[in-house]
Amino acid sequence: MRFRSTTTLLFAVLLTATATRADDARPTVESISERVMCICGCVATLNHCPHPESECSMRAEMTKLIKTQIAGGKTEEAILQDFVERYGVKVLAAPPGKGFNLAAWVLPGLGLILGLACVMVIVRRWRQPSAVTASATPRPDPKVLAAVEEEMKRSGLGIRD
């Protein structure tokens, strides 16, 4: 008997938590406007379009469409999918992480890693003394050195004993 009441209580708690979570997941104009770009040419999300709503016809139209679809009971993902169908993938503030658009997520990180690797290689090469600089100062030929000393002695520029 105790097992059934515990199970029933646990089931009721899970059901309440699920219902509460479903209520929290209702889309809002603000949450969708953060994920959608205004297509008036301002290169900003719908929430941050610098034009007043009375002047930006696209912002007003898109906001009205969001409100209509929320009132129709659509989920946030369904509304975003509808925007993609109407305006194309360019309307999304963040490209979807699949297909060709995956490159927008992967390439910046890959570029950073490759850039750091190049910098490390260059710094290591700068720090190592090269074989060319070590052999760049040749030793003087002893015969030439003796001839120069002899010439200096004859002209009086030599070292005096």
N, C-alpha and C. Protein backbone atom coordinates (compact mmCIF):
# COMPACT_ATOMS: atom_id res chain seq x y z
N MET A 1 0.83 -1.20 0.00
CA MET A 1 0.00 0.00 0.00
C MET A 1 0.87 1.26 0.00
N ARG A 2 1.92 1.22 0.80
CA ARG A 2 2.82 2.37 0.88
C ARG A 2 3.51 2.62 -0.47
N PHE A 3 3.86 1.54 -1.18
CA PHE A 3 4.51 1.65 -2.48
C PHE A 3 3.61 2.37 -3.48
N ARG A 4 2.32 2.05 -3.48
CA ARG A 4 1.41 2.69 -4.43
C ARG A 4 1.24 4.17 -4.14
N SER A 5 1.18 4.55 -2.90
CA SER A 5 1.00 5.96 -2.58
C SER A 5 2.25 6.77 -2.93
N THR A 6 3.43 6.16 -2.72
CA THR A 6 4.68 6.83 -3.09
C THR A 6 4.77 6.99 -4.61
N THR A 7 4.39 5.95 -5.32
CA THR A 7 4.41 5.99 -6.77
C THR A 7 3.42 7.03 -7.29
N THR A 8 2.24 7.06 -6.70
CA THR A 8 1.23 8.03 -7.12
C THR A 8 1.71 9.45 -6.84
N LEU A 9 2.32 9.67 -5.68
CA LEU A 9 2.84 10.99 -5.34
C LEU A 9 3.94 11.40 -6.31
N LEU A 10 4.85 10.48 -6.60
CA LEU A 10 5.93 10.77 -7.54
C LEU A 10 5.38 11.10 -8.93
N PHE A 11 4.39 10.35 -9.36
CA PHE A 11 3.76 10.59 -10.66
C PHE A 11 3.09 11.97 -10.69
N ALA A 12 2.42 12.34 -9.62
CA ALA A 12 1.76 13.64 -9.55
C ALA A 12 2.78 14.78 -9.60
N VAL A 13 3.91 14.61 -8.91
CA VAL A 13 4.96 15.64 -8.90
C VAL A 13 5.54 15.79 -10.31
N LEU A 14 5.84 14.67 -10.98
CA LEU A 14 6.38 14.72 -12.34
C LEU A 14 5.39 15.34 -13.31
N LEU A 15 4.12 15.03 -13.16
CA LEU A 15 3.09 15.59 -14.03
C LEU A 15 2.98 17.10 -13.85
N THR A 16 3.05 17.55 -12.61
CA THR A 16 3.00 18.98 -12.31
C THR A 16 4.22 19.69 -12.88
N ALA A 17 5.40 19.08 -12.70
CA ALA A 17 6.64 19.68 -13.23
C ALA A 17 6.60 19.76 -14.74
N THR A 18 6.07 18.74 -15.39
CA THR A 18 5.96 18.75 -16.85
C THR A 18 4.98 19.81 -17.31
N ALA A 19 3.87 19.93 -16.63
CA ALA A 19 2.87 20.95 -17.00
C ALA A 19 3.44 22.35 -16.79
N THR A 20 4.17 22.55 -15.70
CA THR A 20 4.77 23.85 -15.44
C THR A 20 5.81 24.17 -16.50
N ARG A 21 6.60 23.18 -16.87
CA ARG A 21 7.62 23.40 -17.89
C ARG A 21 6.98 23.71 -19.24
N ALA A 22 5.89 23.08 -19.57
CA ALA A 22 5.20 23.35 -20.82
C ALA A 22 4.66 24.78 -20.83
N ASP A 23 4.21 25.27 -19.67
CA ASP A 23 3.74 26.66 -19.59
C ASP A 23 4.89 27.63 -19.78
N ASP A 24 6.07 27.29 -19.21
CA ASP A 24 7.23 28.16 -19.34
C ASP A 24 7.75 28.19 -20.77
N ALA A 25 7.48 27.14 -21.55
CA ALA A 25 8.00 27.04 -22.89
C ALA A 25 7.15 27.80 -23.91
N ARG A 26 6.10 28.47 -23.48
CA ARG A 26 5.28 29.25 -24.40
C ARG A 26 6.13 30.35 -25.02
N PRO A 27 6.03 30.48 -26.32
CA PRO A 27 6.85 31.52 -26.95
C PRO A 27 6.34 32.91 -26.62
N THR A 28 7.25 33.85 -26.61
CA THR A 28 6.89 35.25 -26.42
C THR A 28 7.44 36.04 -27.62
N VAL A 29 6.89 37.21 -27.81
CA VAL A 29 7.35 38.06 -28.90
C VAL A 29 8.83 38.39 -28.70
N GLU A 30 9.24 38.63 -27.45
CA GLU A 30 10.63 38.99 -27.16
C GLU A 30 11.57 37.83 -27.44
N SER A 31 11.19 36.60 -27.03
CA SER A 31 12.09 35.46 -27.24
C SER A 31 12.28 35.16 -28.72
N ILE A 32 11.24 35.30 -29.51
CA ILE A 32 11.36 35.04 -30.94
C ILE A 32 12.08 36.20 -31.63
N SER A 33 11.80 37.43 -31.18
CA SER A 33 12.43 38.60 -31.80
C SER A 33 13.94 38.62 -31.59
N GLU A 34 14.42 37.95 -30.56
CA GLU A 34 15.87 37.85 -30.33
C GLU A 34 16.51 36.87 -31.30
N ARG A 35 15.74 35.93 -31.82
CA ARG A 35 16.28 34.89 -32.70
C ARG A 35 16.05 35.17 -34.18
N VAL A 36 15.38 36.29 -34.49
CA VAL A 36 15.04 36.62 -35.87
C VAL A 36 15.67 37.97 -36.23
N MET A 37 16.23 38.05 -37.44
CA MET A 37 16.82 39.30 -37.92
C MET A 37 15.75 40.15 -38.59
N CYS A 38 15.82 41.45 -38.39
CA CYS A 38 14.94 42.37 -39.11
C CYS A 38 15.48 42.47 -40.53
N ILE A 39 14.61 42.33 -41.50
CA ILE A 39 15.09 42.30 -42.88
C ILE A 39 14.93 43.65 -43.58
N CYS A 40 14.89 44.73 -42.80
CA CYS A 40 14.79 46.06 -43.40
C CYS A 40 16.14 46.55 -43.91
N GLY A 41 17.20 45.82 -43.56
CA GLY A 41 18.54 46.21 -44.00
C GLY A 41 19.39 46.77 -42.89
N CYS A 42 18.90 46.75 -41.66
CA CYS A 42 19.64 47.35 -40.54
C CYS A 42 20.66 46.38 -39.93
N VAL A 43 20.64 45.13 -40.27
CA VAL A 43 21.55 44.10 -39.77
C VAL A 43 21.47 44.04 -38.24
N ALA A 44 20.28 43.93 -37.71
CA ALA A 44 20.05 43.80 -36.28
C ALA A 44 18.90 42.82 -36.07
N THR A 45 18.84 42.26 -34.84
CA THR A 45 17.71 41.40 -34.54
C THR A 45 16.45 42.26 -34.48
N LEU A 46 15.32 41.61 -34.55
CA LEU A 46 14.05 42.33 -34.56
C LEU A 46 13.89 43.19 -33.30
N ASN A 47 14.36 42.68 -32.15
CA ASN A 47 14.30 43.44 -30.90
C ASN A 47 15.18 44.69 -30.93
N HIS A 48 16.27 44.64 -31.65
CA HIS A 48 17.25 45.72 -31.63
C HIS A 48 17.29 46.54 -32.91
N CYS A 49 16.25 46.46 -33.71
CA CYS A 49 16.19 47.26 -34.93
C CYS A 49 16.21 48.74 -34.51
N PRO A 50 17.15 49.51 -35.06
CA PRO A 50 17.28 50.90 -34.62
C PRO A 50 16.16 51.83 -35.10
N HIS A 51 15.36 51.36 -36.04
CA HIS A 51 14.28 52.20 -36.56
C HIS A 51 13.05 52.08 -35.67
N PRO A 52 12.34 53.17 -35.45
CA PRO A 52 11.09 53.07 -34.70
C PRO A 52 10.11 52.16 -35.45
N GLU A 53 9.27 51.47 -34.70
CA GLU A 53 8.35 50.51 -35.33
C GLU A 53 7.40 51.21 -36.31
N SER A 54 7.11 52.49 -36.06
CA SER A 54 6.23 53.21 -36.96
C SER A 54 6.90 53.50 -38.32
N GLU A 55 8.24 53.55 -38.34
CA GLU A 55 8.97 53.84 -39.57
C GLU A 55 9.45 52.58 -40.29
N CYS A 56 9.67 51.50 -39.55
CA CYS A 56 10.19 50.27 -40.14
C CYS A 56 9.02 49.33 -40.44
N SER A 57 8.61 49.31 -41.68
CA SER A 57 7.44 48.50 -42.05
C SER A 57 7.72 47.01 -41.88
N MET A 58 8.96 46.57 -42.13
CA MET A 58 9.29 45.15 -41.99
C MET A 58 9.22 44.72 -40.53
N ARG A 59 9.71 45.56 -39.64
CA ARG A 59 9.67 45.25 -38.21
C ARG A 59 8.23 45.12 -37.75
N ALA A 60 7.38 46.06 -38.15
CA ALA A 60 5.97 46.02 -37.76
C ALA A 60 5.29 44.77 -38.33
N GLU A 61 5.59 44.45 -39.59
CA GLU A 61 4.97 43.29 -40.22
C GLU A 61 5.42 41.99 -39.55
N MET A 62 6.71 41.88 -39.26
CA MET A 62 7.23 40.66 -38.65
C MET A 62 6.72 40.50 -37.21
N THR A 63 6.66 41.58 -36.45
CA THR A 63 6.13 41.53 -35.08
C THR A 63 4.66 41.13 -35.09
N LYS A 64 3.90 41.67 -36.02
CA LYS A 64 2.47 41.32 -36.14
C LYS A 64 2.33 39.83 -36.47
N LEU A 65 3.17 39.33 -37.35
CA LEU A 65 3.14 37.91 -37.72
C LEU A 65 3.46 37.02 -36.51
N ILE A 66 4.44 37.43 -35.72
CA ILE A 66 4.80 36.67 -34.52
C ILE A 66 3.61 36.63 -33.56
N LYS A 67 2.99 37.78 -33.31
CA LYS A 67 1.85 37.84 -32.40
C LYS A 67 0.70 36.97 -32.89
N THR A 68 0.44 36.99 -34.19
CA THR A 68 -0.64 36.18 -34.77
C THR A 68 -0.36 34.70 -34.58
N GLN A 69 0.88 34.29 -34.81
CA GLN A 69 1.21 32.88 -34.69
C GLN A 69 1.23 32.41 -33.24
N ILE A 70 1.64 33.27 -32.33
CA ILE A 70 1.59 32.92 -30.90
C ILE A 70 0.14 32.75 -30.48
N ALA A 71 -0.71 33.66 -30.93
CA ALA A 71 -2.14 33.56 -30.61
C ALA A 71 -2.74 32.30 -31.21
N GLY A 72 -2.19 31.85 -32.33
CA GLY A 72 -2.66 30.62 -32.97
C GLY A 72 -2.17 29.36 -32.28
N GLY A 73 -1.32 29.50 -31.27
CA GLY A 73 -0.87 28.36 -30.49
C GLY A 73 0.37 27.66 -31.03
N LYS A 74 1.08 28.28 -31.94
CA LYS A 74 2.28 27.67 -32.50
C LYS A 74 3.43 27.72 -31.49
N THR A 75 4.31 26.73 -31.59
CA THR A 75 5.51 26.71 -30.75
C THR A 75 6.56 27.65 -31.33
N GLU A 76 7.56 27.93 -30.54
CA GLU A 76 8.62 28.84 -30.99
C GLU A 76 9.35 28.26 -32.21
N GLU A 77 9.63 26.97 -32.19
CA GLU A 77 10.32 26.34 -33.32
C GLU A 77 9.46 26.37 -34.58
N ALA A 78 8.15 26.17 -34.43
CA ALA A 78 7.26 26.22 -35.59
C ALA A 78 7.21 27.64 -36.17
N ILE A 79 7.20 28.63 -35.31
CA ILE A 79 7.19 30.03 -35.77
C ILE A 79 8.49 30.35 -36.51
N LEU A 80 9.63 29.91 -35.94
CA LEU A 80 10.91 30.15 -36.59
C LEU A 80 10.98 29.45 -37.94
N GLN A 81 10.44 28.22 -38.00
CA GLN A 81 10.42 27.49 -39.27
C GLN A 81 9.57 28.22 -40.30
N ASP A 82 8.46 28.80 -39.86
CA ASP A 82 7.61 29.56 -40.76
C ASP A 82 8.36 30.79 -41.30
N PHE A 83 9.13 31.46 -40.45
CA PHE A 83 9.92 32.61 -40.88
C PHE A 83 10.97 32.19 -41.90
N VAL A 84 11.59 31.02 -41.68
CA VAL A 84 12.60 30.53 -42.63
C VAL A 84 11.94 30.24 -43.98
N GLU A 85 10.74 29.68 -43.96
CA GLU A 85 10.03 29.40 -45.22
C GLU A 85 9.66 30.69 -45.95
N ARG A 86 9.29 31.74 -45.20
CA ARG A 86 8.90 33.00 -45.81
C ARG A 86 10.09 33.80 -46.33
N TYR A 87 11.13 33.94 -45.47
CA TYR A 87 12.22 34.87 -45.77
C TYR A 87 13.55 34.19 -46.06
N GLY A 88 13.65 32.90 -45.87
CA GLY A 88 14.91 32.19 -46.07
C GLY A 88 15.71 32.09 -44.78
N VAL A 89 16.80 31.34 -44.84
CA VAL A 89 17.62 31.08 -43.65
C VAL A 89 18.28 32.37 -43.14
N LYS A 90 18.44 33.35 -44.02
CA LYS A 90 19.09 34.62 -43.62
C LYS A 90 18.32 35.35 -42.52
N VAL A 91 17.05 34.99 -42.29
CA VAL A 91 16.25 35.66 -41.27
C VAL A 91 16.65 35.22 -39.86
N LEU A 92 17.31 34.08 -39.74
CA LEU A 92 17.71 33.60 -38.42
C LEU A 92 18.94 34.34 -37.93
N ALA A 93 18.94 34.71 -36.65
CA ALA A 93 20.08 35.42 -36.07
C ALA A 93 21.30 34.51 -35.97
N ALA A 94 21.08 33.22 -35.72
CA ALA A 94 22.16 32.24 -35.67
C ALA A 94 21.83 31.15 -36.68
N PRO A 95 22.77 30.84 -37.57
CA PRO A 95 22.48 29.81 -38.58
C PRO A 95 22.31 28.45 -37.92
N PRO A 96 21.47 27.60 -38.50
CA PRO A 96 21.29 26.27 -37.93
C PRO A 96 22.59 25.47 -38.03
N GLY A 97 22.85 24.64 -37.06
CA GLY A 97 24.09 23.87 -37.01
C GLY A 97 24.03 22.59 -37.81
N LYS A 98 23.66 22.68 -39.06
CA LYS A 98 23.64 21.49 -39.91
C LYS A 98 23.88 21.90 -41.36
N GLY A 99 24.32 20.95 -42.16
CA GLY A 99 24.57 21.22 -43.56
C GLY A 99 25.68 22.23 -43.78
N PHE A 100 25.55 23.02 -44.83
CA PHE A 100 26.56 24.02 -45.17
C PHE A 100 26.70 25.07 -44.08
N ASN A 101 25.61 25.38 -43.37
CA ASN A 101 25.64 26.40 -42.32
C ASN A 101 26.50 25.99 -41.14
N LEU A 102 26.81 24.71 -41.04
CA LEU A 102 27.69 24.23 -39.97
C LEU A 102 29.07 24.89 -40.08
N ALA A 103 29.45 25.27 -41.28
CA ALA A 103 30.74 25.93 -41.49
C ALA A 103 30.81 27.24 -40.71
N ALA A 104 29.70 27.93 -40.54
CA ALA A 104 29.69 29.19 -39.79
C ALA A 104 30.02 28.95 -38.32
N TRP A 105 29.78 27.76 -37.82
CA TRP A 105 30.10 27.43 -36.43
C TRP A 105 31.51 26.85 -36.31
N VAL A 106 31.96 26.11 -37.30
CA VAL A 106 33.22 25.38 -37.20
C VAL A 106 34.42 26.22 -37.65
N LEU A 107 34.29 26.96 -38.74
CA LEU A 107 35.44 27.67 -39.31
C LEU A 107 36.09 28.70 -38.39
N PRO A 108 35.36 29.49 -37.62
CA PRO A 108 36.07 30.43 -36.73
C PRO A 108 36.97 29.73 -35.71
N GLY A 109 36.49 28.65 -35.12
CA GLY A 109 37.31 27.91 -34.17
C GLY A 109 38.51 27.26 -34.84
N LEU A 110 38.29 26.70 -36.02
CA LEU A 110 39.36 26.07 -36.77
C LEU A 110 40.41 27.11 -37.17
N GLY A 111 39.95 28.28 -37.59
CA GLY A 111 40.88 29.36 -37.95
C GLY A 111 41.71 29.81 -36.75
N LEU A 112 41.08 29.88 -35.59
CA LEU A 112 41.80 30.28 -34.38
C LEU A 112 42.88 29.26 -34.03
N ILE A 113 42.54 27.98 -34.11
CA ILE A 113 43.50 26.93 -33.79
C ILE A 113 44.67 26.95 -34.77
N LEU A 114 44.37 27.07 -36.07
CA LEU A 114 45.44 27.12 -37.07
C LEU A 114 46.31 28.36 -36.90
N GLY A 115 45.70 29.49 -36.59
CA GLY A 115 46.46 30.71 -36.36
C GLY A 115 47.41 30.59 -35.18
N LEU A 116 46.93 30.00 -34.08
CA LEU A 116 47.79 29.81 -32.91
C LEU A 116 48.93 28.84 -33.22
N ALA A 117 48.66 27.80 -34.00
CA ALA A 117 49.71 26.85 -34.38
C ALA A 117 50.78 27.56 -35.21
N CYS A 118 50.38 28.41 -36.15
CA CYS A 118 51.35 29.16 -36.97
C CYS A 118 52.19 30.09 -36.09
N VAL A 119 51.57 30.77 -35.16
CA VAL A 119 52.30 31.67 -34.27
C VAL A 119 53.32 30.89 -33.44
N MET A 120 52.92 29.71 -32.95
CA MET A 120 53.85 28.89 -32.16
C MET A 120 55.05 28.45 -32.99
N VAL A 121 54.82 28.05 -34.23
CA VAL A 121 55.92 27.62 -35.10
C VAL A 121 56.87 28.78 -35.37
N ILE A 122 56.32 29.95 -35.66
CA ILE A 122 57.16 31.13 -35.95
C ILE A 122 57.98 31.53 -34.74
N VAL A 123 57.37 31.54 -33.55
CA VAL A 123 58.10 31.92 -32.34
C VAL A 123 59.20 30.92 -32.04
N ARG A 124 58.94 29.64 -32.22
CA ARG A 124 59.98 28.63 -31.98
C ARG A 124 61.15 28.81 -32.95
N ARG A 125 60.87 29.14 -34.18
CA ARG A 125 61.95 29.34 -35.16
C ARG A 125 62.76 30.59 -34.81
N TRP A 126 62.13 31.62 -34.31
CA TRP A 126 62.85 32.82 -33.92
C TRP A 126 63.77 32.56 -32.73
N ARG A 127 63.33 31.70 -31.83
CA ARG A 127 64.11 31.45 -30.61
C ARG A 127 65.32 30.56 -30.85
N GLN A 128 65.28 29.67 -31.81
CA GLN A 128 66.39 28.77 -32.08
C GLN A 128 67.47 29.48 -32.89
N PRO A 129 68.75 29.35 -32.45
CA PRO A 129 69.80 29.95 -33.28
C PRO A 129 69.95 29.12 -34.56
N SER A 130 70.04 29.79 -35.65
CA SER A 130 70.12 29.07 -36.92
C SER A 130 71.57 28.70 -37.23
N ALA A 131 71.75 27.68 -38.03
CA ALA A 131 73.08 27.23 -38.43
C ALA A 131 73.75 28.26 -39.34
N VAL A 132 72.98 29.04 -40.05
CA VAL A 132 73.53 30.04 -40.97
C VAL A 132 74.23 31.14 -40.18
N THR A 133 73.65 31.60 -39.06
CA THR A 133 74.28 32.68 -38.30
C THR A 133 75.53 32.19 -37.60
N ALA A 134 75.59 30.93 -37.21
CA ALA A 134 76.78 30.40 -36.54
C ALA A 134 77.95 30.31 -37.51
N SER A 135 77.70 29.97 -38.75
CA SER A 135 78.77 29.84 -39.73
C SER A 135 78.96 31.12 -40.55
N ALA A 136 78.26 32.17 -40.23
CA ALA A 136 78.33 33.41 -41.01
C ALA A 136 79.64 34.17 -40.76
N THR A 137 80.29 33.95 -39.63
CA THR A 137 81.55 34.64 -39.35
C THR A 137 82.71 33.65 -39.57
N PRO A 138 83.29 33.65 -40.76
CA PRO A 138 84.38 32.70 -41.04
C PRO A 138 85.67 33.10 -40.32
N ARG A 139 86.46 32.12 -40.00
CA ARG A 139 87.76 32.40 -39.37
C ARG A 139 88.72 32.94 -40.43
N PRO A 140 89.54 33.90 -40.03
CA PRO A 140 90.48 34.46 -41.02
C PRO A 140 91.57 33.43 -41.38
N ASP A 141 92.02 33.51 -42.61
CA ASP A 141 93.08 32.62 -43.09
C ASP A 141 94.38 33.02 -42.39
N PRO A 142 95.11 32.07 -41.78
CA PRO A 142 96.35 32.42 -41.07
C PRO A 142 97.39 33.08 -41.96
N LYS A 143 97.45 32.71 -43.24
CA LYS A 143 98.43 33.31 -44.15
C LYS A 143 98.11 34.79 -44.38
N VAL A 144 96.84 35.09 -44.56
CA VAL A 144 96.43 36.47 -44.78
C VAL A 144 96.68 37.27 -43.51
N LEU A 145 96.39 36.70 -42.35
CA LEU A 145 96.62 37.38 -41.08
C LEU A 145 98.10 37.69 -40.88
N ALA A 146 98.98 36.76 -41.22
CA ALA A 146 100.44 36.97 -41.09
C ALA A 146 100.89 38.06 -42.05
N ALA A 147 100.32 38.09 -43.25
CA ALA A 147 100.71 39.12 -44.23
C ALA A 147 100.27 40.50 -43.77
N VAL A 148 99.10 40.59 -43.16
CA VAL A 148 98.62 41.88 -42.66
C VAL A 148 99.49 42.36 -41.51
N GLU A 149 99.90 41.46 -40.62
CA GLU A 149 100.76 41.85 -39.50
C GLU A 149 102.12 42.32 -40.01
N GLU A 150 102.65 41.63 -41.00
CA GLU A 150 103.95 42.01 -41.57
C GLU A 150 103.87 43.40 -42.20
N GLU A 151 102.81 43.67 -42.91
CA GLU A 151 102.62 44.98 -43.54
C GLU A 151 102.50 46.08 -42.50
N MET A 152 101.83 45.76 -41.40
CA MET A 152 101.67 46.76 -40.33
C MET A 152 103.01 47.06 -39.66
N LYS A 153 103.87 46.04 -39.52
CA LYS A 153 105.18 46.25 -38.91
C LYS A 153 106.05 47.12 -39.81
N ARG A 154 105.98 46.88 -41.12
CA ARG A 154 106.79 47.64 -42.06
C ARG A 154 106.38 49.10 -42.11
N SER A 155 105.07 49.35 -41.98
CA SER A 155 104.61 50.73 -42.09
C SER A 155 104.66 51.44 -40.75
N GLY A 156 105.01 50.77 -39.70
CA GLY A 156 105.12 51.40 -38.39
C GLY A 156 103.82 51.41 -37.62
N LEU A 157 102.79 50.73 -38.09
CA LEU A 157 101.52 50.69 -37.38
C LEU A 157 101.41 49.45 -36.49
N GLY A 158 102.40 48.66 -36.48
CA GLY A 158 102.36 47.39 -35.74
C GLY A 158 102.44 47.60 -34.25
N ILE A 159 102.31 46.58 -33.52
CA ILE A 159 102.37 46.61 -32.06
C ILE A 159 103.85 46.72 -31.67
N ARG A 160 104.13 47.63 -30.81
CA ARG A 160 105.51 47.83 -30.39
C ARG A 160 105.78 46.98 -29.17
N ASP A 161 106.93 46.38 -29.15
CA ASP A 161 107.32 45.50 -28.04
C ASP A 161 107.92 46.24 -26.90
